Protein backbone atom coordinates (compact mmCIF):
# COMPACT_ATOMS: atom_id res chain seq x y z
CA UNK A 1 -35.74 79.71 -11.24
CA UNK A 2 -32.21 80.97 -10.75
CA UNK A 3 -29.43 80.48 -13.25
CA UNK A 4 -27.25 77.42 -12.46
CA UNK A 5 -23.97 78.40 -10.78
CA UNK A 6 -20.97 76.32 -11.88
CA UNK A 7 -18.86 77.74 -9.03
CA UNK A 8 -21.42 76.57 -6.45
CA UNK A 9 -21.54 73.15 -8.11
CA UNK A 10 -17.78 72.75 -8.01
CA UNK A 11 -17.77 74.00 -4.42
CA UNK A 12 -20.30 71.34 -3.43
CA UNK A 13 -18.01 68.64 -4.81
CA UNK A 14 -15.18 69.71 -2.49
CA UNK A 15 -17.03 67.87 0.29
CA UNK A 16 -15.79 64.26 0.02
CA UNK A 17 -19.18 62.78 1.01
CA UNK A 18 -20.98 64.96 -1.56
CA UNK A 19 -18.53 63.84 -4.24
CA UNK A 20 -19.12 60.15 -3.42
CA UNK A 21 -22.91 60.61 -3.32
CA UNK A 22 -22.97 62.54 -6.60
CA UNK A 23 -20.76 59.97 -8.33
CA UNK A 24 -22.92 57.09 -7.08
CA UNK A 25 -26.11 58.82 -8.23
CA UNK A 26 -24.63 59.52 -11.67
CA UNK A 27 -23.54 55.90 -12.07
CA UNK A 28 -26.89 54.58 -10.85
CA UNK A 29 -28.94 56.77 -13.19
CA UNK A 30 -26.77 56.28 -16.25
CA UNK A 31 -28.33 54.30 -19.07
CA UNK A 32 -24.92 52.72 -19.66
CA UNK A 33 -24.48 51.60 -16.03
CA UNK A 34 -27.86 49.96 -15.41
CA UNK A 35 -26.36 47.09 -13.44
CA UNK A 36 -25.59 49.38 -10.48
CA UNK A 37 -29.13 48.68 -9.16
CA UNK A 38 -29.40 51.49 -6.60
CA UNK A 39 -32.92 52.78 -7.18
CA UNK A 40 -36.03 52.38 -9.26
CA UNK A 41 -35.59 51.26 -12.85
CA UNK A 42 -37.02 53.23 -15.77
CA UNK A 43 -35.87 50.77 -18.39
CA UNK A 44 -32.19 51.07 -19.23
CA UNK A 45 -30.87 52.88 -16.17
CA UNK A 46 -32.28 53.94 -12.84
CA UNK A 47 -34.61 56.92 -12.69
CA UNK A 48 -34.33 57.82 -8.99
CA UNK A 49 -31.78 56.67 -6.41
CA UNK A 50 -32.96 55.92 -2.89
CA UNK A 51 -30.89 56.56 0.23
CA UNK A 52 -31.03 52.81 0.87
CA UNK A 53 -29.37 52.09 -2.47
CA UNK A 54 -26.70 54.68 -1.70
CA UNK A 55 -26.08 53.16 1.73
CA UNK A 56 -25.70 49.73 0.15
CA UNK A 57 -23.24 50.92 -2.53
CA UNK A 58 -21.22 53.39 -0.47
CA UNK A 59 -19.77 53.24 3.03
CA UNK A 60 -21.77 56.32 4.07
CA UNK A 61 -24.38 56.53 6.81
CA UNK A 62 -27.91 57.68 6.08
CA UNK A 63 -27.17 60.95 7.86
CA UNK A 64 -24.06 61.57 5.72
CA UNK A 65 -26.01 60.75 2.56
CA UNK A 66 -28.88 63.09 3.47
CA UNK A 67 -26.43 65.88 4.38
CA UNK A 68 -24.44 65.44 1.14
CA UNK A 69 -27.60 65.29 -0.98
CA UNK A 70 -28.86 68.50 0.64
CA UNK A 71 -25.57 70.20 -0.29
CA UNK A 72 -25.87 68.95 -3.87
CA UNK A 73 -29.53 70.00 -4.10
CA UNK A 74 -28.70 73.48 -2.81
CA UNK A 75 -26.00 73.77 -5.48
CA UNK A 76 -28.57 72.79 -8.11
CA UNK A 77 -26.94 69.48 -9.01
CA UNK A 78 -29.71 67.11 -7.92
CA UNK A 79 -33.44 66.84 -8.35
CA UNK A 80 -35.29 65.43 -5.34
CA UNK A 81 -38.40 63.28 -5.16
CA UNK A 82 -39.72 63.13 -1.59
CA UNK A 83 -41.69 60.07 -0.53
CA UNK A 84 -43.66 61.45 2.41
CA UNK A 85 -45.47 58.18 2.97
CA UNK A 86 -42.22 56.28 3.62
CA UNK A 87 -40.17 59.17 5.00
CA UNK A 88 -37.27 59.42 2.56
CA UNK A 89 -36.19 61.30 -0.55
CA UNK A 90 -34.81 59.86 -3.78
CA UNK A 91 -32.52 61.77 -6.14
CA UNK A 92 -31.26 62.02 -9.70
CA UNK A 93 -28.88 64.44 -11.42
CA UNK A 94 -30.32 67.76 -12.54
CA UNK A 95 -29.07 67.31 -16.12
CA UNK A 96 -30.53 70.58 -17.48
CA UNK A 97 -28.88 72.64 -14.73
CA UNK A 98 -25.55 70.82 -15.12
CA UNK A 99 -25.60 71.32 -18.89
CA UNK A 100 -26.49 75.00 -18.55
CA UNK A 101 -23.78 75.61 -15.95
CA UNK A 102 -21.19 73.86 -18.11
CA UNK A 103 -22.17 75.89 -21.16
CA UNK A 104 -21.68 79.16 -19.25
CA UNK A 105 -18.16 78.42 -18.07
CA UNK A 106 -15.30 79.98 -19.95
CA UNK A 107 -12.77 77.77 -21.62
CA UNK A 108 -9.44 78.08 -19.81
CA UNK A 109 -6.57 79.45 -21.88
CA UNK A 110 -4.18 76.90 -23.37
CA UNK A 111 -0.75 76.76 -21.98
């Protein structure tokens, strides 16, 4: 596995659709935002977010969601769970990669 790249992650978020998709996935999978109801519940929050939940909660098309999620996956920001039987993929944040990338960034100088 390659080391998470914070620059690639930030670059992925410069795409407006990717930013909206990532934000919606973070909200949906947060234990503190369990009322978002965009995927499959694991108790407090949502474990995996489906493209159908993202379509319902954002104004994005399925194609835009899939394209944005692919960008976020490539940057290491999302974990994917394909459902080959039903023909779609669900996502959740890649918390270990995000934490590692954040810990390797330098603190900007004050001032």
